[in-house]
mmCIF file of all heavy atoms, coordinates in Angstrom:
data_MODEL
# 
_entry.id   MODEL 
# 
loop_
_atom_site.group_PDB 
_atom_site.id 
_atom_site.type_symbol 
_atom_site.label_atom_id 
_atom_site.label_alt_id 
_atom_site.label_comp_id 
_atom_site.label_asym_id 
_atom_site.label_entity_id 
_atom_site.label_seq_id 
_atom_site.pdbx_PDB_ins_code 
_atom_site.Cartn_x 
_atom_site.Cartn_y 
_atom_site.Cartn_z 
_atom_site.occupancy 
_atom_site.B_iso_or_equiv 
_atom_site.pdbx_formal_charge 
_atom_site.auth_seq_id 
_atom_site.auth_comp_id 
_atom_site.auth_asym_id 
_atom_site.auth_atom_id 
_atom_site.pdbx_PDB_model_num 
ATOM 1   N N   . THR A 1 1  ? 0.836  -1.198 0.000   1.00 0.00 ? 1  THR A N   1 
ATOM 2   C CA  . THR A 1 1  ? 0.000  0.000  0.000   1.00 0.00 ? 1  THR A CA  1 
ATOM 3   C C   . THR A 1 1  ? 0.871  1.249  0.000   1.00 0.00 ? 1  THR A C   1 
ATOM 4   O O   . THR A 1 1  ? 0.615  2.195  -0.752  1.00 0.00 ? 1  THR A O   1 
ATOM 5   C CB  . THR A 1 1  ? -0.934 0.009  1.226   1.00 0.00 ? 1  THR A CB  1 
ATOM 6   O OG1 . THR A 1 1  ? -1.733 -1.172 1.186   1.00 0.00 ? 1  THR A OG1 1 
ATOM 7   C CG2 . THR A 1 1  ? -1.823 1.227  1.227   1.00 0.00 ? 1  THR A CG2 1 
ATOM 8   N N   . THR A 1 2  ? 1.911  1.246  0.818   1.00 0.00 ? 2  THR A N   1 
ATOM 9   C CA  . THR A 1 2  ? 2.810  2.393  0.897   1.00 0.00 ? 2  THR A CA  1 
ATOM 10  C C   . THR A 1 2  ? 3.505  2.631  -0.439  1.00 0.00 ? 2  THR A C   1 
ATOM 11  O O   . THR A 1 2  ? 3.585  3.765  -0.904  1.00 0.00 ? 2  THR A O   1 
ATOM 12  C CB  . THR A 1 2  ? 3.861  2.172  2.004   1.00 0.00 ? 2  THR A CB  1 
ATOM 13  O OG1 . THR A 1 2  ? 3.185  1.948  3.230   1.00 0.00 ? 2  THR A OG1 1 
ATOM 14  C CG2 . THR A 1 2  ? 4.781  3.361  2.128   1.00 0.00 ? 2  THR A CG2 1 
ATOM 15  N N   . ILE A 1 3  ? 3.993  1.564  -1.058  1.00 0.00 ? 3  ILE A N   1 
ATOM 16  C CA  . ILE A 1 3  ? 4.659  1.694  -2.356  1.00 0.00 ? 3  ILE A CA  1 
ATOM 17  C C   . ILE A 1 3  ? 3.669  2.187  -3.409  1.00 0.00 ? 3  ILE A C   1 
ATOM 18  O O   . ILE A 1 3  ? 3.982  3.054  -4.217  1.00 0.00 ? 3  ILE A O   1 
ATOM 19  C CB  . ILE A 1 3  ? 5.313  0.361  -2.772  1.00 0.00 ? 3  ILE A CB  1 
ATOM 20  C CG1 . ILE A 1 3  ? 6.494  0.060  -1.854  1.00 0.00 ? 3  ILE A CG1 1 
ATOM 21  C CG2 . ILE A 1 3  ? 5.757  0.394  -4.226  1.00 0.00 ? 3  ILE A CG2 1 
ATOM 22  C CD1 . ILE A 1 3  ? 7.088  -1.311 -2.026  1.00 0.00 ? 3  ILE A CD1 1 
ATOM 23  N N   . GLY A 1 4  ? 2.465  1.646  -3.402  1.00 0.00 ? 4  GLY A N   1 
ATOM 24  C CA  . GLY A 1 4  ? 1.443  2.070  -4.356  1.00 0.00 ? 4  GLY A CA  1 
ATOM 25  C C   . GLY A 1 4  ? 1.086  3.538  -4.192  1.00 0.00 ? 4  GLY A C   1 
ATOM 26  O O   . GLY A 1 4  ? 0.951  4.269  -5.176  1.00 0.00 ? 4  GLY A O   1 
ATOM 27  N N   . LEU A 1 5  ? 0.955  3.989  -2.938  1.00 0.00 ? 5  LEU A N   1 
ATOM 28  C CA  . LEU A 1 5  ? 0.671  5.406  -2.692  1.00 0.00 ? 5  LEU A CA  1 
ATOM 29  C C   . LEU A 1 5  ? 1.826  6.291  -3.130  1.00 0.00 ? 5  LEU A C   1 
ATOM 30  O O   . LEU A 1 5  ? 1.621  7.374  -3.682  1.00 0.00 ? 5  LEU A O   1 
ATOM 31  C CB  . LEU A 1 5  ? 0.359  5.639  -1.210  1.00 0.00 ? 5  LEU A CB  1 
ATOM 32  C CG  . LEU A 1 5  ? -0.986 5.100  -0.733  1.00 0.00 ? 5  LEU A CG  1 
ATOM 33  C CD1 . LEU A 1 5  ? -1.099 5.253  0.785   1.00 0.00 ? 5  LEU A CD1 1 
ATOM 34  C CD2 . LEU A 1 5  ? -2.127 5.827  -1.425  1.00 0.00 ? 5  LEU A CD2 1 
ATOM 35  N N   . PHE A 1 6  ? 3.053  5.829  -2.897  1.00 0.00 ? 6  PHE A N   1 
ATOM 36  C CA  . PHE A 1 6  ? 4.234  6.579  -3.310  1.00 0.00 ? 6  PHE A CA  1 
ATOM 37  C C   . PHE A 1 6  ? 4.263  6.728  -4.835  1.00 0.00 ? 6  PHE A C   1 
ATOM 38  O O   . PHE A 1 6  ? 4.509  7.826  -5.363  1.00 0.00 ? 6  PHE A O   1 
ATOM 39  C CB  . PHE A 1 6  ? 5.500  5.887  -2.805  1.00 0.00 ? 6  PHE A CB  1 
ATOM 40  C CG  . PHE A 1 6  ? 6.768  6.573  -3.204  1.00 0.00 ? 6  PHE A CG  1 
ATOM 41  C CD1 . PHE A 1 6  ? 7.168  7.739  -2.573  1.00 0.00 ? 6  PHE A CD1 1 
ATOM 42  C CD2 . PHE A 1 6  ? 7.557  6.051  -4.223  1.00 0.00 ? 6  PHE A CD2 1 
ATOM 43  C CE1 . PHE A 1 6  ? 8.338  8.379  -2.946  1.00 0.00 ? 6  PHE A CE1 1 
ATOM 44  C CE2 . PHE A 1 6  ? 8.730  6.679  -4.599  1.00 0.00 ? 6  PHE A CE2 1 
ATOM 45  C CZ  . PHE A 1 6  ? 9.122  7.846  -3.958  1.00 0.00 ? 6  PHE A CZ  1 
ATOM 46  N N   . ILE A 1 7  ? 4.011  5.650  -5.550  1.00 0.00 ? 7  ILE A N   1 
ATOM 47  C CA  . ILE A 1 7  ? 4.010  5.689  -7.015  1.00 0.00 ? 7  ILE A CA  1 
ATOM 48  C C   . ILE A 1 7  ? 2.881  6.569  -7.532  1.00 0.00 ? 7  ILE A C   1 
ATOM 49  O O   . ILE A 1 7  ? 3.076  7.391  -8.434  1.00 0.00 ? 7  ILE A O   1 
ATOM 50  C CB  . ILE A 1 7  ? 3.919  4.259  -7.591  1.00 0.00 ? 7  ILE A CB  1 
ATOM 51  C CG1 . ILE A 1 7  ? 5.219  3.508  -7.305  1.00 0.00 ? 7  ILE A CG1 1 
ATOM 52  C CG2 . ILE A 1 7  ? 3.630  4.282  -9.089  1.00 0.00 ? 7  ILE A CG2 1 
ATOM 53  C CD1 . ILE A 1 7  ? 5.174  2.036  -7.635  1.00 0.00 ? 7  ILE A CD1 1 
ATOM 54  N N   . ALA A 1 8  ? 1.683  6.415  -6.954  1.00 0.00 ? 8  ALA A N   1 
ATOM 55  C CA  . ALA A 1 8  ? 0.544  7.242  -7.380  1.00 0.00 ? 8  ALA A CA  1 
ATOM 56  C C   . ALA A 1 8  ? 0.818  8.725  -7.106  1.00 0.00 ? 8  ALA A C   1 
ATOM 57  O O   . ALA A 1 8  ? 0.520  9.582  -7.949  1.00 0.00 ? 8  ALA A O   1 
ATOM 58  C CB  . ALA A 1 8  ? -0.718 6.796  -6.658  1.00 0.00 ? 8  ALA A CB  1 
ATOM 59  N N   . GLY A 1 9  ? 1.402  9.019  -5.955  1.00 0.00 ? 9  GLY A N   1 
ATOM 60  C CA  . GLY A 1 9  ? 1.736  10.405 -5.633  1.00 0.00 ? 9  GLY A CA  1 
ATOM 61  C C   . GLY A 1 9  ? 2.755  10.976 -6.597  1.00 0.00 ? 9  GLY A C   1 
ATOM 62  O O   . GLY A 1 9  ? 2.626  12.113 -7.076  1.00 0.00 ? 9  GLY A O   1 
ATOM 63  N N   . GLY A 1 10 ? 3.790  10.196 -6.911  1.00 0.00 ? 10 GLY A N   1 
ATOM 64  C CA  . GLY A 1 10 ? 4.803  10.644 -7.872  1.00 0.00 ? 10 GLY A CA  1 
ATOM 65  C C   . GLY A 1 10 ? 4.212  10.864 -9.249  1.00 0.00 ? 10 GLY A C   1 
ATOM 66  O O   . GLY A 1 10 ? 4.563  11.828 -9.938  1.00 0.00 ? 10 GLY A O   1 
ATOM 67  N N   . LEU A 1 11 ? 3.307  9.991  -9.648  1.00 0.00 ? 11 LEU A N   1 
ATOM 68  C CA  . LEU A 1 11 ? 2.648  10.148 -10.947 1.00 0.00 ? 11 LEU A CA  1 
ATOM 69  C C   . LEU A 1 11 ? 1.801  11.416 -10.970 1.00 0.00 ? 11 LEU A C   1 
ATOM 70  O O   . LEU A 1 11 ? 1.838  12.181 -11.938 1.00 0.00 ? 11 LEU A O   1 
ATOM 71  C CB  . LEU A 1 11 ? 1.798  8.917  -11.262 1.00 0.00 ? 11 LEU A CB  1 
ATOM 72  C CG  . LEU A 1 11 ? 1.075  8.914  -12.609 1.00 0.00 ? 11 LEU A CG  1 
ATOM 73  C CD1 . LEU A 1 11 ? 2.069  9.026  -13.763 1.00 0.00 ? 11 LEU A CD1 1 
ATOM 74  C CD2 . LEU A 1 11 ? 0.245  7.648  -12.759 1.00 0.00 ? 11 LEU A CD2 1 
ATOM 75  N N   . LEU A 1 12 ? 1.055  11.657 -9.897  1.00 0.00 ? 12 LEU A N   1 
ATOM 76  C CA  . LEU A 1 12 ? 0.229  12.872 -9.839  1.00 0.00 ? 12 LEU A CA  1 
ATOM 77  C C   . LEU A 1 12 ? 1.077  14.145 -9.852  1.00 0.00 ? 12 LEU A C   1 
ATOM 78  O O   . LEU A 1 12 ? 0.739  15.116 -10.533 1.00 0.00 ? 12 LEU A O   1 
ATOM 79  C CB  . LEU A 1 12 ? -0.668 12.845 -8.597  1.00 0.00 ? 12 LEU A CB  1 
ATOM 80  C CG  . LEU A 1 12 ? -1.851 11.892 -8.661  1.00 0.00 ? 12 LEU A CG  1 
ATOM 81  C CD1 . LEU A 1 12 ? -2.577 11.847 -7.316  1.00 0.00 ? 12 LEU A CD1 1 
ATOM 82  C CD2 . LEU A 1 12 ? -2.811 12.309 -9.760  1.00 0.00 ? 12 LEU A CD2 1 
ATOM 83  N N   . VAL A 1 13 ? 2.180  14.142 -9.109  1.00 0.00 ? 13 VAL A N   1 
ATOM 84  C CA  . VAL A 1 13 ? 3.071  15.312 -9.111  1.00 0.00 ? 13 VAL A CA  1 
ATOM 85  C C   . VAL A 1 13 ? 3.646  15.523 -10.511 1.00 0.00 ? 13 VAL A C   1 
ATOM 86  O O   . VAL A 1 13 ? 3.694  16.651 -11.020 1.00 0.00 ? 13 VAL A O   1 
ATOM 87  C CB  . VAL A 1 13 ? 4.199  15.141 -8.064  1.00 0.00 ? 13 VAL A CB  1 
ATOM 88  C CG1 . VAL A 1 13 ? 5.287  16.182 -8.250  1.00 0.00 ? 13 VAL A CG1 1 
ATOM 89  C CG2 . VAL A 1 13 ? 3.629  15.226 -6.654  1.00 0.00 ? 13 VAL A CG2 1 
ATOM 90  N N   . SER A 1 14 ? 4.069  14.449 -11.164 1.00 0.00 ? 14 SER A N   1 
ATOM 91  C CA  . SER A 1 14 ? 4.622  14.546 -12.518 1.00 0.00 ? 14 SER A CA  1 
ATOM 92  C C   . SER A 1 14 ? 3.591  15.082 -13.506 1.00 0.00 ? 14 SER A C   1 
ATOM 93  O O   . SER A 1 14 ? 3.902  15.935 -14.343 1.00 0.00 ? 14 SER A O   1 
ATOM 94  C CB  . SER A 1 14 ? 5.112  13.177 -12.998 1.00 0.00 ? 14 SER A CB  1 
ATOM 95  O OG  . SER A 1 14 ? 6.137  12.707 -12.176 1.00 0.00 ? 14 SER A OG  1 
ATOM 96  N N   . LEU A 1 15 ? 2.364  14.584 -13.398 1.00 0.00 ? 15 LEU A N   1 
ATOM 97  C CA  . LEU A 1 15 ? 1.296  15.067 -14.282 1.00 0.00 ? 15 LEU A CA  1 
ATOM 98  C C   . LEU A 1 15 ? 1.009  16.553 -14.037 1.00 0.00 ? 15 LEU A C   1 
ATOM 99  O O   . LEU A 1 15 ? 0.841  17.326 -14.990 1.00 0.00 ? 15 LEU A O   1 
ATOM 100 C CB  . LEU A 1 15 ? 0.024  14.243 -14.081 1.00 0.00 ? 15 LEU A CB  1 
ATOM 101 C CG  . LEU A 1 15 ? 0.066  12.819 -14.613 1.00 0.00 ? 15 LEU A CG  1 
ATOM 102 C CD1 . LEU A 1 15 ? -1.135 12.023 -14.112 1.00 0.00 ? 15 LEU A CD1 1 
ATOM 103 C CD2 . LEU A 1 15 ? 0.123  12.805 -16.126 1.00 0.00 ? 15 LEU A CD2 1 
ATOM 104 N N   . GLY A 1 16 ? 0.977  16.941 -12.763 1.00 0.00 ? 16 GLY A N   1 
ATOM 105 C CA  . GLY A 1 16 ? 0.738  18.346 -12.440 1.00 0.00 ? 16 GLY A CA  1 
ATOM 106 C C   . GLY A 1 16 ? 1.835  19.244 -12.965 1.00 0.00 ? 16 GLY A C   1 
ATOM 107 O O   . GLY A 1 16 ? 1.572  20.315 -13.536 1.00 0.00 ? 16 GLY A O   1 
ATOM 108 N N   . LEU A 1 17 ? 3.080  18.831 -12.778 1.00 0.00 ? 17 LEU A N   1 
ATOM 109 C CA  . LEU A 1 17 ? 4.200  19.628 -13.289 1.00 0.00 ? 17 LEU A CA  1 
ATOM 110 C C   . LEU A 1 17 ? 4.163  19.721 -14.807 1.00 0.00 ? 17 LEU A C   1 
ATOM 111 O O   . LEU A 1 17 ? 4.386  20.804 -15.374 1.00 0.00 ? 17 LEU A O   1 
ATOM 112 C CB  . LEU A 1 17 ? 5.526  19.031 -12.820 1.00 0.00 ? 17 LEU A CB  1 
ATOM 113 C CG  . LEU A 1 17 ? 5.865  19.211 -11.358 1.00 0.00 ? 17 LEU A CG  1 
ATOM 114 C CD1 . LEU A 1 17 ? 7.101  18.399 -10.986 1.00 0.00 ? 17 LEU A CD1 1 
ATOM 115 C CD2 . LEU A 1 17 ? 6.078  20.675 -11.018 1.00 0.00 ? 17 LEU A CD2 1 
ATOM 116 N N   . ALA A 1 18 ? 3.890  18.614 -15.465 1.00 0.00 ? 18 ALA A N   1 
ATOM 117 C CA  . ALA A 1 18 ? 3.844  18.611 -16.926 1.00 0.00 ? 18 ALA A CA  1 
ATOM 118 C C   . ALA A 1 18 ? 2.753  19.546 -17.443 1.00 0.00 ? 18 ALA A C   1 
ATOM 119 O O   . ALA A 1 18 ? 2.965  20.290 -18.397 1.00 0.00 ? 18 ALA A O   1 
ATOM 120 C CB  . ALA A 1 18 ? 3.611  17.199 -17.452 1.00 0.00 ? 18 ALA A CB  1 
ATOM 121 N N   . PHE A 1 19 ? 1.599  19.532 -16.780 1.00 0.00 ? 19 PHE A N   1 
ATOM 122 C CA  . PHE A 1 19 ? 0.482  20.333 -17.275 1.00 0.00 ? 19 PHE A CA  1 
ATOM 123 C C   . PHE A 1 19 ? 0.588  21.810 -16.894 1.00 0.00 ? 19 PHE A C   1 
ATOM 124 O O   . PHE A 1 19 ? 0.340  22.687 -17.719 1.00 0.00 ? 19 PHE A O   1 
ATOM 125 C CB  . PHE A 1 19 ? -0.848 19.765 -16.771 1.00 0.00 ? 19 PHE A CB  1 
ATOM 126 C CG  . PHE A 1 19 ? -2.038 20.434 -17.394 1.00 0.00 ? 19 PHE A CG  1 
ATOM 127 C CD1 . PHE A 1 19 ? -2.410 20.133 -18.693 1.00 0.00 ? 19 PHE A CD1 1 
ATOM 128 C CD2 . PHE A 1 19 ? -2.778 21.376 -16.699 1.00 0.00 ? 19 PHE A CD2 1 
ATOM 129 C CE1 . PHE A 1 19 ? -3.500 20.754 -19.288 1.00 0.00 ? 19 PHE A CE1 1 
ATOM 130 C CE2 . PHE A 1 19 ? -3.867 21.999 -17.281 1.00 0.00 ? 19 PHE A CE2 1 
ATOM 131 C CZ  . PHE A 1 19 ? -4.226 21.688 -18.587 1.00 0.00 ? 19 PHE A CZ  1 
ATOM 132 N N   . PHE A 1 20 ? 0.975  22.083 -15.645 1.00 0.00 ? 20 PHE A N   1 
ATOM 133 C CA  . PHE A 1 20 ? 0.944  23.460 -15.178 1.00 0.00 ? 20 PHE A CA  1 
ATOM 134 C C   . PHE A 1 20 ? 2.273  24.200 -15.328 1.00 0.00 ? 20 PHE A C   1 
ATOM 135 O O   . PHE A 1 20 ? 2.291  25.410 -15.548 1.00 0.00 ? 20 PHE A O   1 
ATOM 136 C CB  . PHE A 1 20 ? 0.497  23.519 -13.709 1.00 0.00 ? 20 PHE A CB  1 
ATOM 137 C CG  . PHE A 1 20 ? -0.927 23.080 -13.521 1.00 0.00 ? 20 PHE A CG  1 
ATOM 138 C CD1 . PHE A 1 20 ? -1.211 21.884 -12.890 1.00 0.00 ? 20 PHE A CD1 1 
ATOM 139 C CD2 . PHE A 1 20 ? -1.971 23.843 -13.997 1.00 0.00 ? 20 PHE A CD2 1 
ATOM 140 C CE1 . PHE A 1 20 ? -2.526 21.463 -12.718 1.00 0.00 ? 20 PHE A CE1 1 
ATOM 141 C CE2 . PHE A 1 20 ? -3.289 23.439 -13.836 1.00 0.00 ? 20 PHE A CE2 1 
ATOM 142 C CZ  . PHE A 1 20 ? -3.564 22.249 -13.199 1.00 0.00 ? 20 PHE A CZ  1 
ATOM 143 N N   . VAL A 1 21 ? 3.394  23.499 -15.207 1.00 0.00 ? 21 VAL A N   1 
ATOM 144 C CA  . VAL A 1 21 ? 4.695  24.163 -15.267 1.00 0.00 ? 21 VAL A CA  1 
ATOM 145 C C   . VAL A 1 21 ? 5.309  24.057 -16.664 1.00 0.00 ? 21 VAL A C   1 
ATOM 146 O O   . VAL A 1 21 ? 6.010  24.970 -17.095 1.00 0.00 ? 21 VAL A O   1 
ATOM 147 C CB  . VAL A 1 21 ? 5.654  23.583 -14.197 1.00 0.00 ? 21 VAL A CB  1 
ATOM 148 C CG1 . VAL A 1 21 ? 7.015  24.240 -14.255 1.00 0.00 ? 21 VAL A CG1 1 
ATOM 149 C CG2 . VAL A 1 21 ? 5.051  23.747 -12.807 1.00 0.00 ? 21 VAL A CG2 1 
ATOM 150 N N   . GLY A 1 22 ? 5.029  22.983 -17.368 1.00 0.00 ? 22 GLY A N   1 
ATOM 151 C CA  . GLY A 1 22 ? 5.575  22.798 -18.714 1.00 0.00 ? 22 GLY A CA  1 
ATOM 152 C C   . GLY A 1 22 ? 5.346  23.978 -19.642 1.00 0.00 ? 22 GLY A C   1 
ATOM 153 O O   . GLY A 1 22 ? 6.278  24.424 -20.324 1.00 0.00 ? 22 GLY A O   1 
ATOM 154 N N   . PRO A 1 23 ? 4.137  24.533 -19.693 1.00 0.00 ? 23 PRO A N   1 
ATOM 155 C CA  . PRO A 1 23 ? 3.895  25.674 -20.580 1.00 0.00 ? 23 PRO A CA  1 
ATOM 156 C C   . PRO A 1 23 ? 4.688  26.931 -20.199 1.00 0.00 ? 23 PRO A C   1 
ATOM 157 O O   . PRO A 1 23 ? 4.812  27.852 -21.002 1.00 0.00 ? 23 PRO A O   1 
ATOM 158 C CB  . PRO A 1 23 ? 2.393  25.927 -20.429 1.00 0.00 ? 23 PRO A CB  1 
ATOM 159 C CG  . PRO A 1 23 ? 1.830  24.612 -20.027 1.00 0.00 ? 23 PRO A CG  1 
ATOM 160 C CD  . PRO A 1 23 ? 2.885  23.996 -19.159 1.00 0.00 ? 23 PRO A CD  1 
ATOM 161 N N   . LEU A 1 24 ? 5.240  26.977 -18.991 1.00 0.00 ? 24 LEU A N   1 
ATOM 162 C CA  . LEU A 1 24 ? 5.998  28.148 -18.558 1.00 0.00 ? 24 LEU A CA  1 
ATOM 163 C C   . LEU A 1 24 ? 7.481  28.056 -18.932 1.00 0.00 ? 24 LEU A C   1 
ATOM 164 O O   . LEU A 1 24 ? 8.249  28.978 -18.636 1.00 0.00 ? 24 LEU A O   1 
ATOM 165 C CB  . LEU A 1 24 ? 5.874  28.311 -17.037 1.00 0.00 ? 24 LEU A CB  1 
ATOM 166 C CG  . LEU A 1 24 ? 4.447  28.455 -16.495 1.00 0.00 ? 24 LEU A CG  1 
ATOM 167 C CD1 . LEU A 1 24 ? 4.467  28.523 -14.975 1.00 0.00 ? 24 LEU A CD1 1 
ATOM 168 C CD2 . LEU A 1 24 ? 3.775  29.676 -17.082 1.00 0.00 ? 24 LEU A CD2 1 
ATOM 169 N N   . ALA A 1 25 ? 7.895  26.970 -19.560 1.00 0.00 ? 25 ALA A N   1 
ATOM 170 C CA  . ALA A 1 25 ? 9.297  26.795 -19.940 1.00 0.00 ? 25 ALA A CA  1 
ATOM 171 C C   . ALA A 1 25 ? 9.720  27.892 -20.913 1.00 0.00 ? 25 ALA A C   1 
ATOM 172 O O   . ALA A 1 25 ? 8.917  28.417 -21.688 1.00 0.00 ? 25 ALA A O   1 
ATOM 173 C CB  . ALA A 1 25 ? 9.494  25.422 -20.576 1.00 0.00 ? 25 ALA A CB  1 
ATOM 174 N N   . SER A 1 26 ? 10.981 28.223 -20.858 1.00 0.00 ? 26 SER A N   1 
ATOM 175 C CA  . SER A 1 26 ? 11.523 29.284 -21.702 1.00 0.00 ? 26 SER A CA  1 
ATOM 176 C C   . SER A 1 26 ? 11.414 28.925 -23.178 1.00 0.00 ? 26 SER A C   1 
ATOM 177 O O   . SER A 1 26 ? 11.655 27.793 -23.572 1.00 0.00 ? 26 SER A O   1 
ATOM 178 C CB  . SER A 1 26 ? 12.988 29.528 -21.347 1.00 0.00 ? 26 SER A CB  1 
ATOM 179 O OG  . SER A 1 26 ? 13.562 30.456 -22.232 1.00 0.00 ? 26 SER A OG  1 
# 
């Protein structure tokens, strides 16, 4: 469960960064 939550959390953070921060790249 802990590993699954860690992976899901990392995936969500990656998706958020890709969607919200990616467009701000130089």
